[in-house]
Protein backbone atom coordinates (compact mmCIF):
# COMPACT_ATOMS: atom_id res chain seq x y z
CA MET A 1 -21.16 35.08 20.73
CA LYS A 2 -19.97 32.42 23.67
CA GLN A 3 -15.48 31.70 23.71
CA THR A 4 -15.15 27.93 23.68
CA GLY A 5 -11.76 28.03 24.48
CA ALA A 6 -8.66 29.89 24.71
CA ALA A 7 -6.91 30.92 21.40
CA ALA A 8 -3.69 28.17 20.32
CA PRO A 9 -0.68 30.56 20.71
CA ALA A 10 1.08 32.18 17.31
CA PRO A 11 3.94 29.95 15.91
CA ASP A 12 7.21 31.22 17.17
CA GLY A 13 8.25 32.08 13.49
CA ARG A 14 11.67 32.03 14.11
CA THR A 15 11.54 28.44 15.96
CA GLU A 16 10.02 27.23 12.86
CA ARG A 17 12.82 28.13 10.92
CA GLY A 18 15.13 26.74 12.44
CA ARG A 19 13.25 23.33 12.82
CA GLN A 20 12.82 23.71 9.24
CA THR A 21 16.70 24.99 8.61
CA ARG A 22 17.30 21.46 10.72
CA GLU A 23 15.40 19.10 9.18
CA LYS A 24 17.10 19.93 5.76
CA ILE A 25 20.50 19.31 6.89
CA ALA A 26 19.44 15.76 7.83
CA ASP A 27 17.80 15.81 4.48
CA ALA A 28 20.53 16.75 3.30
CA MET A 29 22.55 13.93 5.16
CA LEU A 30 20.17 11.28 4.29
CA SER A 31 20.89 12.00 0.70
CA LEU A 32 24.30 11.63 0.50
CA LEU A 33 23.62 8.60 2.37
CA ASP A 34 21.57 7.34 -0.07
CA GLU A 35 24.14 8.02 -2.66
CA ASN A 36 26.17 5.56 -0.72
CA GLN A 37 29.05 7.88 0.45
CA ALA A 38 31.06 7.44 2.99
CA HIS A 39 32.56 10.39 4.28
CA PHE A 40 30.12 13.78 4.98
CA PRO A 41 32.54 16.88 4.95
CA ALA A 42 30.22 19.61 6.63
CA ASP A 43 31.15 21.94 3.37
CA ARG A 44 29.18 18.91 1.56
CA VAL A 45 26.46 18.90 3.74
CA ALA A 46 26.09 23.04 3.58
CA GLU A 47 26.05 22.49 0.02
CA ARG A 48 23.33 19.78 -0.50
CA ALA A 49 21.17 21.66 1.93
CA GLY A 50 21.52 25.15 0.55
CA VAL A 51 23.08 26.50 3.79
CA SER A 52 26.29 28.09 5.36
CA ARG A 53 28.43 25.60 7.02
CA ARG A 54 28.63 27.83 9.95
CA LEU A 55 24.69 26.78 9.90
CA VAL A 56 25.27 23.56 10.08
CA PHE A 57 27.04 23.67 13.02
CA HIS A 58 24.77 26.17 14.54
CA HIS A 59 22.10 23.60 14.91
CA PHE A 60 24.36 20.40 15.32
CA THR A 61 27.38 20.05 18.08
CA ASP A 62 29.43 18.22 15.36
CA MET A 63 29.10 15.81 12.33
CA ALA A 64 28.30 12.50 14.66
CA GLN A 65 25.29 14.40 15.67
CA LEU A 66 23.66 15.19 12.32
CA ALA A 67 24.88 11.42 11.34
CA GLU A 68 22.47 10.41 14.41
CA VAL A 69 19.72 13.06 13.86
CA ALA A 70 19.50 11.90 9.78
CA VAL A 71 19.64 8.40 10.96
CA SER A 72 17.03 8.86 13.45
CA ARG A 73 14.75 10.33 10.86
CA ARG A 74 15.06 8.04 8.18
CA LEU A 75 13.88 5.12 10.87
CA GLU A 76 11.11 7.55 10.58
CA GLN A 77 10.17 7.74 7.81
CA LEU A 78 10.60 3.84 7.40
CA LEU A 79 7.85 3.07 9.98
CA ALA A 80 5.65 5.34 8.21
CA GLN A 81 5.81 3.10 5.25
CA VAL A 82 4.59 0.74 7.30
CA ARG A 83 1.31 -0.73 5.95
CA PRO A 84 -1.33 -3.18 7.40
CA ILE A 85 -0.84 -6.85 5.90
CA PRO A 86 -3.77 -9.99 6.23
CA VAL A 87 -3.45 -11.71 9.43
CA GLU A 88 -5.61 -14.06 7.86
CA GLY A 89 -6.32 -15.85 4.25
CA PRO A 90 -3.65 -17.99 2.30
CA ARG A 91 -0.37 -18.25 3.51
CA ASP A 92 1.05 -17.61 0.09
CA VAL A 93 -0.12 -14.63 -0.24
CA ARG A 94 0.54 -13.24 2.74
CA VAL A 95 4.34 -14.54 3.19
CA ALA A 96 4.55 -12.51 -0.30
CA ALA A 97 3.57 -9.06 1.26
CA VAL A 98 5.37 -10.01 3.73
CA ALA A 99 8.43 -10.21 1.80
CA GLU A 100 6.83 -7.35 -0.66
CA GLN A 101 7.10 -4.53 2.20
CA ARG A 102 10.39 -5.92 4.08
CA ALA A 103 12.37 -5.99 0.91
CA ARG A 104 10.70 -1.98 0.27
CA ILE A 105 11.85 -1.34 3.53
CA LEU A 106 15.13 -3.11 4.39
CA GLU A 107 16.12 -1.41 0.93
CA GLY A 108 16.14 2.06 2.11
CA LEU A 109 17.14 1.22 5.46
CA THR A 110 20.35 0.38 4.22
CA PRO A 111 22.41 3.77 3.76
CA ALA A 112 21.27 4.61 7.42
CA ARG A 113 22.23 1.14 8.76
CA LEU A 114 25.42 1.11 6.99
CA ALA A 115 26.31 4.66 8.60
CA VAL A 116 25.30 3.70 11.94
CA LEU A 117 27.69 0.47 11.53
CA ARG A 118 30.26 3.48 11.15
CA LEU A 119 29.53 4.94 13.92
CA GLU A 120 32.19 4.72 16.72
CA ASN A 121 29.29 5.33 20.13
CA PRO A 122 25.62 5.83 18.16
CA SER A 123 23.95 7.12 20.17
CA ALA A 124 21.01 5.73 22.91
CA ARG A 125 18.05 7.08 20.55
CA VAL A 126 20.16 5.58 17.65
CA GLN A 127 19.99 2.11 19.34
CA GLU A 128 16.33 2.65 20.58
CA GLY A 129 14.88 3.12 17.43
CA ILE A 130 16.61 0.65 15.53
CA GLN A 131 15.51 -1.69 18.69
CA GLN A 132 11.70 -0.56 18.06
CA MET A 133 11.45 -1.58 14.83
CA LEU A 134 13.05 -4.47 15.31
CA ASP A 135 10.32 -5.36 18.32
CA PHE A 136 8.18 -4.04 15.95
CA ALA A 137 8.50 -6.62 12.63
CA ARG A 138 8.87 -9.06 15.32
CA LEU A 139 5.07 -8.17 16.35
CA ARG A 140 4.21 -8.20 13.43
CA LEU A 141 5.48 -11.77 12.13
CA THR A 142 3.69 -13.55 15.20
CA GLN A 143 0.27 -11.23 14.43
CA ILE A 144 0.57 -12.25 10.26
CA PHE A 145 1.76 -15.85 11.23
CA ALA A 146 -1.02 -16.32 14.02
CA PRO A 147 -2.52 -19.23 11.83
CA GLU A 148 0.82 -21.37 11.92
CA LEU A 149 2.60 -20.53 14.85
CA ASP A 150 -0.53 -20.62 17.25
CA PRO A 151 -0.93 -24.23 16.70
CA LEU A 152 3.02 -25.51 17.36
CA PRO A 153 4.17 -26.93 20.76
CA GLU A 154 7.16 -25.27 22.64
CA PRO A 155 9.86 -24.86 21.32
CA ALA A 156 8.92 -25.36 17.59
CA ARG A 157 6.79 -22.47 17.91
CA THR A 158 9.89 -20.08 19.20
CA ASP A 159 12.12 -21.80 16.52
CA LEU A 160 9.97 -21.29 13.82
CA LEU A 161 9.37 -17.53 14.46
CA ASN A 162 13.67 -16.92 15.54
CA ALA A 163 13.88 -18.24 11.72
CA LEU A 164 11.32 -16.31 10.54
CA ASP A 165 12.26 -13.00 11.92
CA ALA A 166 16.01 -13.46 10.64
CA VAL A 167 15.46 -14.01 7.40
CA THR A 168 13.34 -11.05 7.11
CA THR A 169 15.27 -8.60 8.93
CA TRP A 170 17.98 -6.35 8.03
CA SER A 171 21.12 -8.74 8.35
CA ALA A 172 19.83 -11.65 5.93
CA TRP A 173 18.70 -8.73 3.32
CA PHE A 174 22.00 -7.31 3.00
CA HIS A 175 23.52 -10.92 2.80
CA TRP A 176 21.96 -10.71 -0.24
CA ARG A 177 22.43 -7.70 -1.68
CA SER A 178 26.17 -8.16 -0.69
CA SER A 179 26.30 -11.55 -2.48
CA GLY A 180 25.36 -9.65 -5.82
CA LEU A 181 21.25 -10.46 -5.99
CA SER A 182 19.26 -7.84 -6.85
CA PRO A 183 16.10 -6.73 -4.69
CA GLU A 184 14.19 -8.52 -6.47
CA GLU A 185 15.82 -11.40 -6.36
CA ALA A 186 16.74 -11.04 -3.20
CA ARG A 187 12.54 -10.34 -2.30
CA HIS A 188 12.29 -14.15 -3.77
CA ALA A 189 14.87 -15.59 -1.77
CA MET A 190 13.26 -14.01 1.13
CA ALA A 191 9.96 -15.26 0.60
CA ALA A 192 11.08 -18.56 -0.78
CA THR A 193 13.15 -19.42 2.54
CA MET A 194 10.05 -18.06 4.56
CA ARG A 195 7.69 -21.17 2.19
CA THR A 196 10.55 -23.57 3.12
CA LEU A 197 10.69 -22.59 6.93
CA PHE A 198 6.32 -23.44 6.97
CA ALA A 199 7.09 -26.28 5.32
CA GLY A 200 10.02 -28.33 7.36
CA ALA A 201 7.83 -27.13 10.51
CA GLU A 202 4.74 -28.73 9.25
CA ARG A 203 6.88 -32.24 8.85
CA THR A 204 8.10 -31.50 12.05
CA PRO A 205 5.37 -30.07 14.57
CA ALA A 206 6.35 -31.91 17.90
CA GLN A 207 10.39 -30.56 17.47
CA GLY A 208 12.17 -27.69 17.40
CA LEU A 209 13.47 -26.69 13.70
CA ALA A 210 16.83 -27.26 15.31
CA ASP A 211 16.07 -30.99 15.46
CA ASP A 212 15.69 -31.29 11.74
């Protein structure tokens, strides 16, 4: 039989076990974050991961590095949850879909985002991951609401996009949640605010929102 190509190299068992252990430790940190823990002693993380304290520091230089890796892992997990949203059809359907998806993802992001705020000097990797998430979220708004945004003259279009971006990102979500709103109430507030912004843009299409 003719050989079609070189055989793939067998995976290094020790390397794979190391990767799995590293992920297990990062997931243990995430589970503590999800429980709103403010401090993460190595012993507690090790216990949650089912490994020794020595193994934690074998894979991570210090707890700050572990926190950064855990946050980056959470960002990747949340981005994987993003699903397509219709870019045409009734506006209310699109608004509801955006609010539902953003509410779910932003609620999951909150523990990691608070952890980043507690870091004295977040790594470039974490900062880049957060910025990529923000940029992607803004891009999706331009696509989902192109029927409403594209016909507007400048600066009305940019003003509306900026406003939509502001009320669908984590800062607004955290404000609503920390003010006592439940996730469902915060989701409703997001959708209602988006509808109000669209209504205002339709009333004054030739002006920026700041001039209302």
